[in-house]
Amino acid sequence: MRRLPTLPRALRVLLATMFAASALPAAALDLDALWDFGQPALSEQRFRAALADARGDDALVLRTQIARTKGLRRDFDGALAELAAIEPQLATAGPEASVRFLLERGRARISPVHDDAARTPQALAAARADYLAAAELARRSGLDGLAVDALHMMAFVDREPADALRWTQQALDLASASPQPAARRWEASLRNNLGTALHDLGRHAEAIAQFRAALALRLERGQPERIADARFALGWALREAGQLEEALAIQTALDRAATAAGRPDAEVLEELEAIQRARGDAAAAAELAARRQALRP
C-alpha cells in the first residue's frame, strides 16, 4: 500500500497522486489501459506497440508517456532525450501534446523519485517553468485534468509545507470546480496531500478533516486498495494528533482484513505498534513488533 510522505517507511504520497490518473482528455487514446505504474518497463512496451499504428498527435502523446516510464526508472537523461526528439514537431501539434511534453519534461527534472542531489537551483527553475507553462496552456485549452496534474507537481518543486499547501489547494480548487472527470478524479488524492501538508504545519484538526474527506471519496468511488490506503492515512493522522483509540480501531480493522486475506501488512503492524507504545501497552507493542519482524524475508 502506498503511504504518506512523512511516514519513515513509506512511498511518497505523490507517487500515489502521480499514479492517480493519466488525465486523459482525448478519445483516440486510452492511456490508462496501457499504464501499469508498478511496471514501467512493461508500460513502455505497450506504448511502443501502440506507437506502431499511431499518427500525428497520438504518436507524440505516446512518446511523452514513454519518457515518463523512463523517469519512473530514474533514467532521467533517457526521458529528456525522448522528449527532445519530439520537441521540433510540437510547433504544428495540438495543445494536449504540448502540455504533456511540458509536464513530462518537468517530471524528468524534478519529481518525487529524484534524490536531493538532483534538486539543483537550475533543475528547480527549469521544472518550475515547465510545470507552470503546462498548467497555463492546459487551462487555456480546457484540459483541466492536465492542469491539475501540473499544479500538483509544483508541490514537489516547492516542498516547504506552506508552499506545498498553497499549490495543492490550487490544484484541488480546480479539480473540485471542473465538470471534467479527468480533473475530478484527482480530488481524493489531493485531499490526502492537503492533509499531509496541514499535518506538517501542525494543523492537525484540519489535516484529519482532509483525510476523512479523502476516505469518503474513496468509499464513494469503490476503490478497495485506495480505500485501505485512505483508512491507513486517517489512522496515522489520528495517532499523530493523539487520538489513539480511533486510530487503534482503524488500524486493527486493517490488520484483521489483511491477515484474513493472507497478506499481512508490515506497515499496518508498525503503525499499531506505535499506537500501543503511545498508549503505554508495552506488551502489546512487543507482540506487534514480533509479528512484523516475522514478515521479513
C-alpha atoms as a PDB file:
ATOM      1  CA  MET A   1       0.000   0.000   0.000  1.00  0.00           C
ATOM      2  CA  ARG A   2       1.226   3.496  -0.766  1.00  0.00           C
ATOM      3  CA  ARG A   3       1.658   5.663   2.274  1.00  0.00           C
ATOM      4  CA  LEU A   4       2.248   9.203   3.407  1.00  0.00           C
ATOM      5  CA  PRO A   5       5.491  11.060   2.728  1.00  0.00           C
ATOM      6  CA  THR A   6       6.074  11.857   6.377  1.00  0.00           C
ATOM      7  CA  LEU A   7       5.983   8.216   7.386  1.00  0.00           C
ATOM      8  CA  PRO A   8       9.581   6.989   7.557  1.00  0.00           C
ATOM      9  CA  ARG A   9       8.980   3.752   5.683  1.00  0.00           C
ATOM     10  CA  ALA A  10       6.575   4.965   3.076  1.00  0.00           C
ATOM     11  CA  LEU A  11       6.485   5.717  -0.597  1.00  0.00           C
ATOM     12  CA  ARG A  12       5.856   9.374  -1.267  1.00  0.00           C
ATOM     13  CA  VAL A  13       2.178  10.078  -1.467  1.00  0.00           C
ATOM     14  CA  LEU A  14       2.646  11.956  -4.627  1.00  0.00           C
ATOM     15  CA  LEU A  15       3.820   8.852  -6.194  1.00  0.00           C
ATOM     16  CA  ALA A  16       0.298   7.917  -5.317  1.00  0.00           C
ATOM     17  CA  THR A  17      -1.094  11.035  -6.882  1.00  0.00           C
ATOM     18  CA  MET A  18       1.217  10.825  -9.821  1.00  0.00           C
ATOM     19  CA  PHE A  19      -0.389   7.442 -10.383  1.00  0.00           C
ATOM     20  CA  ALA A  20      -3.896   8.649  -9.638  1.00  0.00           C
ATOM     21  CA  ALA A  21      -4.779   9.471 -13.206  1.00  0.00           C
ATOM     22  CA  SER A  22      -3.342   9.966 -16.648  1.00  0.00           C
ATOM     23  CA  ALA A  23      -5.780  12.891 -17.005  1.00  0.00           C
ATOM     24  CA  LEU A  24      -6.805  11.549 -20.379  1.00  0.00           C
ATOM     25  CA  PRO A  25      -8.905  14.085 -22.310  1.00  0.00           C
ATOM     26  CA  ALA A  26      -8.661  12.589 -25.788  1.00  0.00           C
ATOM     27  CA  ALA A  27     -10.946   9.852 -27.077  1.00  0.00           C
ATOM     28  CA  ALA A  28      -8.390   8.422 -29.516  1.00  0.00           C
ATOM     29  CA  LEU A  29      -6.001   7.099 -26.875  1.00  0.00           C
ATOM     30  CA  ASP A  30      -6.766   5.208 -23.698  1.00  0.00           C
ATOM     31  CA  LEU A  31      -3.553   5.799 -21.783  1.00  0.00           C
ATOM     32  CA  ASP A  32      -4.975   4.313 -18.602  1.00  0.00           C
ATOM     33  CA  ALA A  33      -5.360   0.946 -20.330  1.00  0.00           C
ATOM     34  CA  LEU A  34      -1.679   0.990 -21.308  1.00  0.00           C
ATOM     35  CA  TRP A  35      -0.257   2.133 -17.990  1.00  0.00           C
ATOM     36  CA  ASP A  36       0.913  -0.174 -15.228  1.00  0.00           C
ATOM     37  CA  PHE A  37       2.733   2.230 -12.936  1.00  0.00           C
ATOM     38  CA  GLY A  38       4.158  -0.623 -10.906  1.00  0.00           C
ATOM     39  CA  GLN A  39       5.825  -1.969 -14.056  1.00  0.00           C
ATOM     40  CA  PRO A  40       7.138   0.956 -16.105  1.00  0.00           C
ATOM     41  CA  ALA A  41       9.175  -1.303 -18.397  1.00  0.00           C
ATOM     42  CA  LEU A  42       6.026  -3.224 -19.324  1.00  0.00           C
ATOM     43  CA  SER A  43       4.206   0.058 -19.823  1.00  0.00           C
ATOM     44  CA  GLU A  44       6.922   1.215 -22.209  1.00  0.00           C
ATOM     45  CA  GLN A  45       6.469  -1.953 -24.253  1.00  0.00           C
ATOM     46  CA  ARG A  46       2.744  -1.270 -24.504  1.00  0.00           C
ATOM     47  CA  PHE A  47       3.281   2.335 -25.529  1.00  0.00           C
ATOM     48  CA  ARG A  48       5.782   1.315 -28.200  1.00  0.00           C
ATOM     49  CA  ALA A  49       3.375  -1.299 -29.531  1.00  0.00           C
ATOM     50  CA  ALA A  50       0.635   1.338 -29.732  1.00  0.00           C
ATOM     51  CA  LEU A  51       3.087   3.725 -31.379  1.00  0.00           C
ATOM     52  CA  ALA A  52       3.412   1.407 -34.370  1.00  0.00           C
ATOM     53  CA  ASP A  53      -0.098   2.341 -35.521  1.00  0.00           C
ATOM     54  CA  ALA A  54      -0.254   5.897 -34.152  1.00  0.00           C
ATOM     55  CA  ARG A  55      -0.052   9.039 -36.225  1.00  0.00           C
ATOM     56  CA  GLY A  56       0.158  12.776 -35.604  1.00  0.00           C
ATOM     57  CA  ASP A  57      -0.545  13.998 -32.099  1.00  0.00           C
ATOM     58  CA  ASP A  58      -1.335  10.495 -30.856  1.00  0.00           C
ATOM     59  CA  ALA A  59       2.228   9.460 -31.623  1.00  0.00           C
ATOM     60  CA  LEU A  60       3.591  12.497 -29.794  1.00  0.00           C
ATOM     61  CA  VAL A  61       1.446  11.803 -26.734  1.00  0.00           C
ATOM     62  CA  LEU A  62       2.602   8.183 -26.645  1.00  0.00           C
ATOM     63  CA  ARG A  63       6.217   9.278 -26.724  1.00  0.00           C
ATOM     64  CA  THR A  64       5.659  11.601 -23.770  1.00  0.00           C
ATOM     65  CA  GLN A  65       4.425   8.580 -21.850  1.00  0.00           C
ATOM     66  CA  ILE A  66       7.453   6.557 -22.907  1.00  0.00           C
ATOM     67  CA  ALA A  67       9.551   9.355 -21.437  1.00  0.00           C
ATOM     68  CA  ARG A  68       7.550   9.084 -18.234  1.00  0.00           C
ATOM     69  CA  THR A  69       8.286   5.359 -17.963  1.00  0.00           C
ATOM     70  CA  LYS A  70      11.978   6.181 -18.174  1.00  0.00           C
ATOM     71  CA  GLY A  71      11.699   8.773 -15.433  1.00  0.00           C
ATOM     72  CA  LEU A  72       9.972   6.290 -13.137  1.00  0.00           C
ATOM     73  CA  ARG A  73      13.031   4.061 -13.611  1.00  0.00           C
ATOM     74  CA  ARG A  74      15.281   7.035 -12.801  1.00  0.00           C
ATOM     75  CA  ASP A  75      16.574   7.215 -16.364  1.00  0.00           C
ATOM     76  CA  PHE A  76      16.109  10.965 -16.436  1.00  0.00           C
ATOM     77  CA  ASP A  77      18.594  11.539 -19.250  1.00  0.00           C
ATOM     78  CA  GLY A  78      16.733   8.973 -21.334  1.00  0.00           C
ATOM     79  CA  ALA A  79      13.442  10.695 -20.580  1.00  0.00           C
ATOM     80  CA  LEU A  80      14.809  14.085 -21.597  1.00  0.00           C
ATOM     81  CA  ALA A  81      16.283  12.621 -24.791  1.00  0.00           C
ATOM     82  CA  GLU A  82      12.935  11.060 -25.715  1.00  0.00           C
ATOM     83  CA  LEU A  83      11.227  14.405 -25.225  1.00  0.00           C
ATOM     84  CA  ALA A  84      13.894  16.372 -27.079  1.00  0.00           C
ATOM     85  CA  ALA A  85      13.362  14.116 -30.088  1.00  0.00           C
ATOM     86  CA  ILE A  86       9.729  15.193 -30.434  1.00  0.00           C
ATOM     87  CA  GLU A  87      10.100  18.856 -29.498  1.00  0.00           C
ATOM     88  CA  PRO A  88      10.509  20.103 -33.109  1.00  0.00           C
ATOM     89  CA  GLN A  89       7.156  18.535 -34.027  1.00  0.00           C
ATOM     90  CA  LEU A  90       5.242  20.422 -31.343  1.00  0.00           C
ATOM     91  CA  ALA A  91       5.098  23.608 -33.418  1.00  0.00           C
ATOM     92  CA  THR A  92       2.337  22.057 -35.520  1.00  0.00           C
ATOM     93  CA  ALA A  93       0.782  19.885 -32.807  1.00  0.00           C
ATOM     94  CA  GLY A  94      -2.339  20.443 -30.759  1.00  0.00           C
ATOM     95  CA  PRO A  95      -2.302  21.648 -27.160  1.00  0.00           C
ATOM     96  CA  GLU A  96      -2.551  18.236 -25.489  1.00  0.00           C
ATOM     97  CA  ALA A  97       0.739  17.030 -26.951  1.00  0.00           C
ATOM     98  CA  SER A  98       2.442  20.271 -25.927  1.00  0.00           C
ATOM     99  CA  VAL A  99       1.030  20.160 -22.401  1.00  0.00           C
ATOM    100  CA  ARG A 100       2.107  16.566 -21.935  1.00  0.00           C
ATOM    101  CA  PHE A 101       5.557  17.396 -23.281  1.00  0.00           C
ATOM    102  CA  LEU A 102       5.984  20.198 -20.735  1.00  0.00           C
ATOM    103  CA  LEU A 103       4.576  18.097 -17.918  1.00  0.00           C
ATOM    104  CA  GLU A 104       6.858  15.143 -18.574  1.00  0.00           C
ATOM    105  CA  ARG A 105       9.907  17.348 -19.089  1.00  0.00           C
ATOM    106  CA  GLY A 106       9.164  18.873 -15.706  1.00  0.00           C
ATOM    107  CA  ARG A 107       8.892  15.395 -14.181  1.00  0.00           C
ATOM    108  CA  ALA A 108      12.201  14.400 -15.760  1.00  0.00           C
ATOM    109  CA  ARG A 109      13.796  17.366 -13.973  1.00  0.00           C
ATOM    110  CA  ILE A 110      12.113  17.335 -10.549  1.00  0.00           C
ATOM    111  CA  SER A 111       9.734  14.686  -9.226  1.00  0.00           C
ATOM    112  CA  PRO A 112       9.232  12.518  -6.129  1.00  0.00           C
ATOM    113  CA  VAL A 113      11.724   9.962  -7.431  1.00  0.00           C
ATOM    114  CA  HIS A 114      14.595  12.467  -7.684  1.00  0.00           C
ATOM    115  CA  ASP A 115      17.049  12.476  -4.804  1.00  0.00           C
ATOM    116  CA  ASP A 116      18.096  15.653  -3.035  1.00  0.00           C
ATOM    117  CA  ALA A 117      21.338  15.889  -5.012  1.00  0.00           C
ATOM    118  CA  ALA A 118      19.292  16.397  -8.181  1.00  0.00           C
ATOM    119  CA  ARG A 119      17.494  19.397  -6.699  1.00  0.00           C
ATOM    120  CA  THR A 120      19.922  21.991  -8.017  1.00  0.00           C
ATOM    121  CA  PRO A 121      18.796  25.603  -8.467  1.00  0.00           C
ATOM    122  CA  GLN A 122      18.949  25.103 -12.226  1.00  0.00           C
ATOM    123  CA  ALA A 123      16.828  21.941 -12.144  1.00  0.00           C
ATOM    124  CA  LEU A 124      14.281  23.527  -9.832  1.00  0.00           C
ATOM    125  CA  ALA A 125      13.979  26.623 -12.021  1.00  0.00           C
ATOM    126  CA  ALA A 126      13.604  24.561 -15.191  1.00  0.00           C
ATOM    127  CA  ALA A 127      10.997  22.250 -13.660  1.00  0.00           C
ATOM    128  CA  ARG A 128       9.069  25.210 -12.246  1.00  0.00           C
ATOM    129  CA  ALA A 129       8.963  26.832 -15.678  1.00  0.00           C
ATOM    130  CA  ASP A 130       7.772  23.604 -17.315  1.00  0.00           C
ATOM    131  CA  TYR A 131       5.036  22.887 -14.778  1.00  0.00           C
ATOM    132  CA  LEU A 132       3.708  26.440 -14.777  1.00  0.00           C
ATOM    133  CA  ALA A 133       3.724  26.581 -18.575  1.00  0.00           C
ATOM    134  CA  ALA A 134       1.927  23.218 -18.697  1.00  0.00           C
ATOM    135  CA  ALA A 135      -0.693  24.410 -16.214  1.00  0.00           C
ATOM    136  CA  GLU A 136      -1.313  27.661 -18.097  1.00  0.00           C
ATOM    137  CA  LEU A 137      -1.586  26.025 -21.528  1.00  0.00           C
ATOM    138  CA  ALA A 138      -3.808  23.258 -20.166  1.00  0.00           C
ATOM    139  CA  ARG A 139      -6.146  25.775 -18.561  1.00  0.00           C
ATOM    140  CA  ARG A 140      -6.381  27.865 -21.716  1.00  0.00           C
ATOM    141  CA  SER A 141      -7.048  24.720 -23.739  1.00  0.00           C
ATOM    142  CA  GLY A 142      -9.743  23.309 -21.459  1.00  0.00           C
ATOM    143  CA  LEU A 143      -7.592  20.354 -20.361  1.00  0.00           C
ATOM    144  CA  ASP A 144      -8.448  20.588 -16.690  1.00  0.00           C
ATOM    145  CA  GLY A 145      -7.069  17.196 -15.679  1.00  0.00           C
ATOM    146  CA  LEU A 146      -3.649  18.026 -17.069  1.00  0.00           C
ATOM    147  CA  ALA A 147      -3.739  21.457 -15.439  1.00  0.00           C
ATOM    148  CA  VAL A 148      -4.442  19.808 -12.083  1.00  0.00           C
ATOM    149  CA  ASP A 149      -1.577  17.380 -12.659  1.00  0.00           C
ATOM    150  CA  ALA A 150       0.843  20.222 -13.400  1.00  0.00           C
ATOM    151  CA  LEU A 151      -0.236  22.268 -10.377  1.00  0.00           C
ATOM    152  CA  HIS A 152       0.049  19.318  -8.026  1.00  0.00           C
ATOM    153  CA  MET A 153       3.589  18.644  -9.274  1.00  0.00           C
ATOM    154  CA  MET A 154       4.586  22.131  -8.133  1.00  0.00           C
ATOM    155  CA  ALA A 155       4.397  20.812  -4.566  1.00  0.00           C
ATOM    156  CA  PHE A 156       7.479  18.729  -5.395  1.00  0.00           C
ATOM    157  CA  VAL A 157       9.343  21.795  -6.623  1.00  0.00           C
ATOM    158  CA  ASP A 158       8.373  23.950  -3.647  1.00  0.00           C
ATOM    159  CA  ARG A 159       8.439  21.391  -0.833  1.00  0.00           C
ATOM    160  CA  GLU A 160       8.107  23.608   2.210  1.00  0.00           C
ATOM    161  CA  PRO A 161       4.782  22.732   3.870  1.00  0.00           C
ATOM    162  CA  ALA A 162       3.266  26.187   3.359  1.00  0.00           C
ATOM    163  CA  ASP A 163       4.204  26.121  -0.333  1.00  0.00           C
ATOM    164  CA  ALA A 164       3.007  22.544  -0.768  1.00  0.00           C
ATOM    165  CA  LEU A 165      -0.271  23.552   0.855  1.00  0.00           C
ATOM    166  CA  ARG A 166      -0.664  26.506  -1.498  1.00  0.00           C
ATOM    167  CA  TRP A 167      -0.039  24.508  -4.671  1.00  0.00           C
ATOM    168  CA  THR A 168      -2.137  21.559  -3.568  1.00  0.00           C
ATOM    169  CA  GLN A 169      -5.016  23.857  -2.668  1.00  0.00           C
ATOM    170  CA  GLN A 170      -4.832  25.456  -6.120  1.00  0.00           C
ATOM    171  CA  ALA A 171      -4.940  22.021  -7.727  1.00  0.00           C
ATOM    172  CA  LEU A 172      -7.836  20.952  -5.510  1.00  0.00           C
ATOM    173  CA  ASP A 173      -9.808  24.124  -6.224  1.00  0.00           C
ATOM    174  CA  LEU A 174      -9.516  23.471  -9.950  1.00  0.00           C
ATOM    175  CA  ALA A 175     -10.322  19.766  -9.644  1.00  0.00           C
ATOM    176  CA  SER A 176     -13.360  20.403  -7.456  1.00  0.00           C
ATOM    177  CA  ALA A 177     -14.772  23.115  -9.709  1.00  0.00           C
ATOM    178  CA  SER A 178     -14.203  21.315 -13.002  1.00  0.00           C
ATOM    179  CA  PRO A 179     -17.000  19.373 -14.713  1.00  0.00           C
ATOM    180  CA  GLN A 180     -14.401  17.141 -16.365  1.00  0.00           C
ATOM    181  CA  PRO A 181     -13.979  13.599 -14.948  1.00  0.00           C
ATOM    182  CA  ALA A 182     -10.252  13.724 -15.701  1.00  0.00           C
ATOM    183  CA  ALA A 183      -9.951  16.587 -13.223  1.00  0.00           C
ATOM    184  CA  ARG A 184     -12.487  15.419 -10.647  1.00  0.00           C
ATOM    185  CA  ARG A 185     -10.788  12.055 -10.229  1.00  0.00           C
ATOM    186  CA  TRP A 186      -7.825  13.830  -8.611  1.00  0.00           C
ATOM    187  CA  GLU A 187      -9.834  15.111  -5.642  1.00  0.00           C
ATOM    188  CA  ALA A 188      -9.266  12.238  -3.199  1.00  0.00           C
ATOM    189  CA  SER A 189      -5.516  12.153  -3.795  1.00  0.00           C
ATOM    190  CA  LEU A 190      -5.252  15.917  -3.486  1.00  0.00           C
ATOM    191  CA  ARG A 191      -7.167  15.939  -0.214  1.00  0.00           C
ATOM    192  CA  ASN A 192      -4.747  13.319   1.050  1.00  0.00           C
ATOM    193  CA  ASN A 193      -1.820  15.530   0.059  1.00  0.00           C
ATOM    194  CA  LEU A 194      -3.502  18.552   1.591  1.00  0.00           C
ATOM    195  CA  GLY A 195      -3.853  16.619   4.830  1.00  0.00           C
ATOM    196  CA  THR A 196      -0.148  15.822   4.788  1.00  0.00           C
ATOM    197  CA  ALA A 197       0.797  19.477   4.268  1.00  0.00           C
ATOM    198  CA  LEU A 198      -1.548  20.583   7.049  1.00  0.00           C
ATOM    199  CA  HIS A 199      -0.088  17.961   9.363  1.00  0.00           C
ATOM    200  CA  ASP A 200       3.421  19.210   8.605  1.00  0.00           C
ATOM    201  CA  LEU A 201       2.254  22.693   9.589  1.00  0.00           C
ATOM    202  CA  GLY A 202       0.929  21.361  12.888  1.00  0.00           C
ATOM    203  CA  ARG A 203      -2.698  21.958  11.879  1.00  0.00           C
ATOM    204  CA  HIS A 204      -3.839  18.518  13.000  1.00  0.00           C
ATOM    205  CA  ALA A 205      -7.603  19.030  13.176  1.00  0.00           C
ATOM    206  CA  GLU A 206      -7.675  20.409   9.632  1.00  0.00           C
ATOM    207  CA  ALA A 207      -5.426  17.590   8.446  1.00  0.00           C
ATOM    208  CA  ILE A 208      -7.728  14.959   9.910  1.00  0.00           C
ATOM    209  CA  ALA A 209     -10.712  16.608   8.222  1.00  0.00           C
ATOM    210  CA  GLN A 210      -8.970  16.322   4.852  1.00  0.00           C
ATOM    211  CA  PHE A 211      -8.067  12.674   5.421  1.00  0.00           C
ATOM    212  CA  ARG A 212     -11.698  11.960   6.341  1.00  0.00           C
ATOM    213  CA  ALA A 213     -12.847  13.689   3.159  1.00  0.00           C
ATOM    214  CA  ALA A 214     -10.363  11.674   1.094  1.00  0.00           C
ATOM    215  CA  LEU A 215     -11.646   8.443   2.633  1.00  0.00           C
ATOM    216  CA  ALA A 216     -15.252   9.423   1.927  1.00  0.00           C
ATOM    217  CA  LEU A 217     -14.393   9.982  -1.734  1.00  0.00           C
ATOM    218  CA  ARG A 218     -12.609   6.631  -1.972  1.00  0.00           C
ATOM    219  CA  LEU A 219     -15.615   4.885  -0.427  1.00  0.00           C
ATOM    220  CA  GLU A 220     -17.939   6.670  -2.833  1.00  0.00           C
ATOM    221  CA  ARG A 221     -15.884   5.500  -5.801  1.00  0.00           C
ATOM    222  CA  GLY A 222     -15.406   1.942  -4.554  1.00  0.00           C
ATOM    223  CA  GLN A 223     -11.641   1.524  -4.936  1.00  0.00           C
ATOM    224  CA  PRO A 224     -10.681  -1.229  -2.439  1.00  0.00           C
ATOM    225  CA  GLU A 225      -6.908  -0.730  -2.364  1.00  0.00           C
ATOM    226  CA  ARG A 226      -7.226   3.044  -2.289  1.00  0.00           C
ATOM    227  CA  ILE A 227      -9.858   2.744   0.457  1.00  0.00           C
ATOM    228  CA  ALA A 228      -7.406   0.776   2.585  1.00  0.00           C
ATOM    229  CA  ASP A 229      -4.700   3.375   1.957  1.00  0.00           C
ATOM    230  CA  ALA A 230      -7.086   6.176   2.897  1.00  0.00           C
ATOM    231  CA  ARG A 231      -8.057   4.408   6.121  1.00  0.00           C
ATOM    232  CA  PHE A 232      -4.385   3.931   6.957  1.00  0.00           C
ATOM    233  CA  ALA A 233      -3.681   7.614   6.329  1.00  0.00           C
ATOM    234  CA  LEU A 234      -6.553   8.676   8.565  1.00  0.00           C
ATOM    235  CA  GLY A 235      -5.385   6.328  11.313  1.00  0.00           C
ATOM    236  CA  TRP A 236      -1.862   7.699  11.049  1.00  0.00           C
ATOM    237  CA  ALA A 237      -3.101  11.286  11.308  1.00  0.00           C
ATOM    238  CA  LEU A 238      -5.249  10.428  14.315  1.00  0.00           C
ATOM    239  CA  ARG A 239      -2.292   8.836  16.099  1.00  0.00           C
ATOM    240  CA  GLU A 240      -0.130  11.855  15.337  1.00  0.00           C
ATOM    241  CA  ALA A 241      -2.843  14.046  16.864  1.00  0.00           C
ATOM    242  CA  GLY A 242      -3.043  11.859  19.968  1.00  0.00           C
ATOM    243  CA  GLN A 243      -6.462  10.402  19.154  1.00  0.00           C
ATOM    244  CA  LEU A 244      -5.253   6.915  19.923  1.00  0.00           C
ATOM    245  CA  GLU A 245      -8.459   4.938  20.395  1.00  0.00           C
ATOM    246  CA  GLU A 246      -9.928   5.764  16.993  1.00  0.00           C
ATOM    247  CA  ALA A 247      -6.516   5.237  15.416  1.00  0.00           C
ATOM    248  CA  LEU A 248      -6.295   1.844  17.104  1.00  0.00           C
ATOM    249  CA  ALA A 249      -9.728   0.814  15.845  1.00  0.00           C
ATOM    250  CA  ILE A 250      -8.883   1.777  12.262  1.00  0.00           C
ATOM    251  CA  GLN A 251      -5.516   0.034  12.130  1.00  0.00           C
ATOM    252  CA  THR A 252      -6.830  -3.058  13.929  1.00  0.00           C
ATOM    253  CA  ALA A 253      -9.558  -3.433  11.304  1.00  0.00           C
ATOM    254  CA  LEU A 254      -6.963  -3.082   8.542  1.00  0.00           C
ATOM    255  CA  ASP A 255      -4.753  -5.678  10.208  1.00  0.00           C
ATOM    256  CA  ARG A 256      -7.610  -8.159  10.506  1.00  0.00           C
ATOM    257  CA  ALA A 257      -8.602  -7.681   6.875  1.00  0.00           C
ATOM    258  CA  ALA A 258      -5.029  -8.068   5.630  1.00  0.00           C
ATOM    259  CA  THR A 259      -4.445 -11.162   7.755  1.00  0.00           C
ATOM    260  CA  ALA A 260      -7.726 -12.733   6.635  1.00  0.00           C
ATOM    261  CA  ALA A 261      -6.696 -12.154   3.020  1.00  0.00           C
ATOM    262  CA  GLY A 262      -3.376 -13.882   3.660  1.00  0.00           C
ATOM    263  CA  ARG A 263      -1.428 -10.660   3.087  1.00  0.00           C
ATOM    264  CA  PRO A 264      -0.365  -9.309   6.492  1.00  0.00           C
ATOM    265  CA  ASP A 265       0.805  -5.712   6.165  1.00  0.00           C
ATOM    266  CA  ALA A 266       4.055  -4.761   7.895  1.00  0.00           C
ATOM    267  CA  GLU A 267       3.234  -1.052   7.683  1.00  0.00           C
ATOM    268  CA  VAL A 268      -0.067  -1.540   9.486  1.00  0.00           C
ATOM    269  CA  LEU A 269       1.691  -3.615  12.147  1.00  0.00           C
ATOM    270  CA  GLU A 270       4.306  -0.902  12.571  1.00  0.00           C
ATOM    271  CA  GLU A 271       1.600   1.710  13.000  1.00  0.00           C
ATOM    272  CA  LEU A 272      -0.248  -0.469  15.513  1.00  0.00           C
ATOM    273  CA  GLU A 273       2.990  -0.905  17.422  1.00  0.00           C
ATOM    274  CA  ALA A 274       3.426   2.880  17.583  1.00  0.00           C
ATOM    275  CA  ILE A 275      -0.147   3.286  18.807  1.00  0.00           C
ATOM    276  CA  GLN A 276       0.296   0.716  21.564  1.00  0.00           C
ATOM    277  CA  ARG A 277       3.539   2.296  22.700  1.00  0.00           C
ATOM    278  CA  ALA A 278       1.793   5.662  22.853  1.00  0.00           C
ATOM    279  CA  ARG A 279      -0.972   4.031  24.905  1.00  0.00           C
ATOM    280  CA  GLY A 280       1.635   2.637  27.291  1.00  0.00           C
ATOM    281  CA  ASP A 281       0.939  -1.012  26.442  1.00  0.00           C
ATOM    282  CA  ALA A 282       4.488  -2.325  26.080  1.00  0.00           C
ATOM    283  CA  ALA A 283       3.399  -5.968  25.914  1.00  0.00           C
ATOM    284  CA  ALA A 284       1.016  -5.391  23.008  1.00  0.00           C
ATOM    285  CA  ALA A 285       3.658  -3.302  21.235  1.00  0.00           C
ATOM    286  CA  ALA A 286       6.240  -6.068  21.644  1.00  0.00           C
ATOM    287  CA  GLU A 287       3.834  -8.654  20.241  1.00  0.00           C
ATOM    288  CA  LEU A 288       3.173  -6.483  17.204  1.00  0.00           C
ATOM    289  CA  ALA A 289       6.894  -5.895  16.706  1.00  0.00           C
ATOM    290  CA  ALA A 290       7.460  -9.656  16.739  1.00  0.00           C
ATOM    291  CA  ARG A 291       4.735 -10.187  14.152  1.00  0.00           C
ATOM    292  CA  ARG A 292       6.247  -7.516  11.953  1.00  0.00           C
ATOM    293  CA  GLN A 293       9.752  -8.963  12.262  1.00  0.00           C
ATOM    294  CA  ALA A 294       8.408 -12.392  11.302  1.00  0.00           C
ATOM    295  CA  LEU A 295       7.279 -10.982   7.950  1.00  0.00           C
ATOM    296  CA  ARG A 296      10.817 -10.102   6.928  1.00  0.00           C
ATOM    297  CA  PRO A 297      12.265 -12.431   4.275  1.00  0.00           C
END
